[in-house]
Amino acid sequence: MSALDVQDFIQQNRAVADQVETFRGYWESEKHWEARREFILRNMNDFKAEQLDHLLSLSMVWANNVFMGCRYSTELLEKVKEMAEGIVVVDAPVFKTRDEIMKNQQGR
């Protein structure tokens, strides 16, 4: 689902789109929200209504990893990255671990 596909889906499924909009956190920038909204919309059909909180949690894990560099277990990150496959985040931040920074410092 590309950005255009998301817009088409929202126009054709107003009730679902309105429901998804209620999941936006007040702290989320437009860029952050658009990416997380796409994650939610892409994966909604794979979760039953009573599993919605789980989907929203996974969307936050993915967004926190992409936008803030938060780290989670390898298994969890693999799952959310698979769920987010194809979502393009323009100018996503790049994070380095302490070990990567130290290795670069030692190489000088």
C-alpha atoms as a PDB file:
ATOM      1  CA  MET A   1       0.000   0.000   0.000  1.00  0.00           C
ATOM      2  CA  SER A   2       1.713   3.191  -1.173  1.00  0.00           C
ATOM      3  CA  ALA A   3       0.905   6.684   0.073  1.00  0.00           C
ATOM      4  CA  LEU A   4      -1.538   7.077  -2.826  1.00  0.00           C
ATOM      5  CA  ASP A   5      -3.150   3.747  -1.989  1.00  0.00           C
ATOM      6  CA  VAL A   6      -3.586   4.902   1.606  1.00  0.00           C
ATOM      7  CA  GLN A   7      -5.320   8.074   0.442  1.00  0.00           C
ATOM      8  CA  ASP A   8      -7.585   6.080  -1.878  1.00  0.00           C
ATOM      9  CA  PHE A   9      -8.436   3.663   0.921  1.00  0.00           C
ATOM     10  CA  ILE A  10      -9.252   6.528   3.281  1.00  0.00           C
ATOM     11  CA  GLN A  11     -11.562   8.149   0.727  1.00  0.00           C
ATOM     12  CA  GLN A  12     -13.358   4.876   0.022  1.00  0.00           C
ATOM     13  CA  ASN A  13     -13.604   3.729   3.651  1.00  0.00           C
ATOM     14  CA  ARG A  14     -14.461   6.865   5.584  1.00  0.00           C
ATOM     15  CA  ALA A  15     -15.749   5.074   8.704  1.00  0.00           C
ATOM     16  CA  VAL A  16     -12.574   3.003   9.066  1.00  0.00           C
ATOM     17  CA  ALA A  17     -10.431   6.059   8.343  1.00  0.00           C
ATOM     18  CA  ASP A  18     -12.264   8.065  11.008  1.00  0.00           C
ATOM     19  CA  GLN A  19     -11.746   5.261  13.519  1.00  0.00           C
ATOM     20  CA  VAL A  20      -8.030   5.039  12.705  1.00  0.00           C
ATOM     21  CA  GLU A  21      -7.641   8.813  13.109  1.00  0.00           C
ATOM     22  CA  THR A  22      -8.690   8.443  16.751  1.00  0.00           C
ATOM     23  CA  PHE A  23      -5.523   6.398  17.343  1.00  0.00           C
ATOM     24  CA  ARG A  24      -3.209   9.335  16.615  1.00  0.00           C
ATOM     25  CA  GLY A  25      -1.236  10.539  19.599  1.00  0.00           C
ATOM     26  CA  TYR A  26      -1.122  14.300  20.203  1.00  0.00           C
ATOM     27  CA  TRP A  27       2.691  14.106  20.156  1.00  0.00           C
ATOM     28  CA  GLU A  28       2.892  12.576  16.680  1.00  0.00           C
ATOM     29  CA  SER A  29       4.065  14.820  13.870  1.00  0.00           C
ATOM     30  CA  GLU A  30       2.317  14.564  10.521  1.00  0.00           C
ATOM     31  CA  LYS A  31       5.236  12.533   9.141  1.00  0.00           C
ATOM     32  CA  HIS A  32       5.224  10.179  12.118  1.00  0.00           C
ATOM     33  CA  TRP A  33       1.439   9.742  12.030  1.00  0.00           C
ATOM     34  CA  GLU A  34       1.224   9.153   8.273  1.00  0.00           C
ATOM     35  CA  ALA A  35       3.723   6.297   8.534  1.00  0.00           C
ATOM     36  CA  ARG A  36       2.072   4.750  11.608  1.00  0.00           C
ATOM     37  CA  ARG A  37      -1.396   5.148  10.071  1.00  0.00           C
ATOM     38  CA  GLU A  38      -0.199   3.277   6.985  1.00  0.00           C
ATOM     39  CA  PHE A  39       1.171   0.527   9.240  1.00  0.00           C
ATOM     40  CA  ILE A  40      -2.208   0.236  10.983  1.00  0.00           C
ATOM     41  CA  LEU A  41      -4.231   0.274   7.764  1.00  0.00           C
ATOM     42  CA  ARG A  42      -2.016  -2.332   6.106  1.00  0.00           C
ATOM     43  CA  ASN A  43      -2.426  -4.735   8.998  1.00  0.00           C
ATOM     44  CA  MET A  44      -5.975  -4.133  10.284  1.00  0.00           C
ATOM     45  CA  ASN A  45      -7.467  -7.050   8.390  1.00  0.00           C
ATOM     46  CA  ASP A  46      -5.039  -9.457  10.046  1.00  0.00           C
ATOM     47  CA  PHE A  47      -6.345  -8.639  13.543  1.00  0.00           C
ATOM     48  CA  LYS A  48      -9.757  -9.265  15.072  1.00  0.00           C
ATOM     49  CA  ALA A  49     -11.536  -6.355  16.785  1.00  0.00           C
ATOM     50  CA  GLU A  50     -10.524  -7.627  20.223  1.00  0.00           C
ATOM     51  CA  GLN A  51      -6.867  -7.668  19.080  1.00  0.00           C
ATOM     52  CA  LEU A  52      -6.847  -3.997  18.055  1.00  0.00           C
ATOM     53  CA  ASP A  53      -4.803  -2.971  21.107  1.00  0.00           C
ATOM     54  CA  HIS A  54      -2.163  -5.487  20.071  1.00  0.00           C
ATOM     55  CA  LEU A  55      -1.987  -4.003  16.562  1.00  0.00           C
ATOM     56  CA  LEU A  56      -1.726  -0.480  17.987  1.00  0.00           C
ATOM     57  CA  SER A  57       1.071  -1.619  20.296  1.00  0.00           C
ATOM     58  CA  LEU A  58       2.953  -3.142  17.382  1.00  0.00           C
ATOM     59  CA  SER A  59       2.488   0.063  15.390  1.00  0.00           C
ATOM     60  CA  MET A  60       4.026   2.042  18.252  1.00  0.00           C
ATOM     61  CA  VAL A  61       6.945  -0.389  18.507  1.00  0.00           C
ATOM     62  CA  TRP A  62       7.615   0.036  14.791  1.00  0.00           C
ATOM     63  CA  ALA A  63       7.276   3.837  14.897  1.00  0.00           C
ATOM     64  CA  ASN A  64       9.435   4.139  18.026  1.00  0.00           C
ATOM     65  CA  ASN A  65      12.139   2.055  16.370  1.00  0.00           C
ATOM     66  CA  VAL A  66      12.049   4.029  13.115  1.00  0.00           C
ATOM     67  CA  PHE A  67      11.682   7.555  14.482  1.00  0.00           C
ATOM     68  CA  MET A  68      13.390   7.387  17.886  1.00  0.00           C
ATOM     69  CA  GLY A  69      15.804   4.488  17.594  1.00  0.00           C
ATOM     70  CA  CYS A  70      14.197   2.490  20.405  1.00  0.00           C
ATOM     71  CA  ARG A  71      15.472  -1.072  20.588  1.00  0.00           C
ATOM     72  CA  TYR A  72      13.434  -4.177  21.202  1.00  0.00           C
ATOM     73  CA  SER A  73      14.006  -7.914  21.057  1.00  0.00           C
ATOM     74  CA  THR A  74      15.175  -9.273  17.724  1.00  0.00           C
ATOM     75  CA  GLU A  75      12.037 -11.386  17.391  1.00  0.00           C
ATOM     76  CA  LEU A  76       9.724  -8.400  17.943  1.00  0.00           C
ATOM     77  CA  LEU A  77      11.651  -6.158  15.554  1.00  0.00           C
ATOM     78  CA  GLU A  78      11.601  -8.821  12.856  1.00  0.00           C
ATOM     79  CA  LYS A  79       7.834  -9.137  13.241  1.00  0.00           C
ATOM     80  CA  VAL A  80       7.100  -5.396  12.972  1.00  0.00           C
ATOM     81  CA  LYS A  81       9.571  -4.915  10.117  1.00  0.00           C
ATOM     82  CA  GLU A  82       7.828  -7.694   8.217  1.00  0.00           C
ATOM     83  CA  MET A  83       4.461  -6.050   8.922  1.00  0.00           C
ATOM     84  CA  ALA A  84       5.833  -2.707   7.700  1.00  0.00           C
ATOM     85  CA  GLU A  85       7.446  -4.059   4.550  1.00  0.00           C
ATOM     86  CA  GLY A  86       6.977  -1.552   1.732  1.00  0.00           C
ATOM     87  CA  ILE A  87       6.236   1.470   3.927  1.00  0.00           C
ATOM     88  CA  VAL A  88       8.542   4.260   2.816  1.00  0.00           C
ATOM     89  CA  VAL A  89       9.609   6.816   5.424  1.00  0.00           C
ATOM     90  CA  VAL A  90      11.339   9.748   3.770  1.00  0.00           C
ATOM     91  CA  ASP A  91      14.287  11.184   5.710  1.00  0.00           C
ATOM     92  CA  ALA A  92      14.048   8.631   8.505  1.00  0.00           C
ATOM     93  CA  PRO A  93      16.664   9.286  11.188  1.00  0.00           C
ATOM     94  CA  VAL A  94      19.717   7.021  11.306  1.00  0.00           C
ATOM     95  CA  PHE A  95      20.791   5.789  14.722  1.00  0.00           C
ATOM     96  CA  LYS A  96      24.118   4.324  15.784  1.00  0.00           C
ATOM     97  CA  THR A  97      24.805   2.138  18.760  1.00  0.00           C
ATOM     98  CA  ARG A  98      27.406   3.053  21.341  1.00  0.00           C
ATOM     99  CA  ASP A  99      29.589   0.228  20.022  1.00  0.00           C
ATOM    100  CA  GLU A 100      29.423   1.635  16.473  1.00  0.00           C
ATOM    101  CA  ILE A 101      30.411   5.086  17.708  1.00  0.00           C
ATOM    102  CA  MET A 102      33.298   3.692  19.792  1.00  0.00           C
ATOM    103  CA  LYS A 103      34.539   1.616  16.848  1.00  0.00           C
ATOM    104  CA  ASN A 104      34.591   4.721  14.642  1.00  0.00           C
ATOM    105  CA  GLN A 105      36.458   6.678  17.343  1.00  0.00           C
ATOM    106  CA  GLN A 106      39.112   3.952  17.692  1.00  0.00           C
ATOM    107  CA  GLY A 107      39.655   3.830  13.939  1.00  0.00           C
ATOM    108  CA  ARG A 108      40.858   7.442  13.858  1.00  0.00           C
END
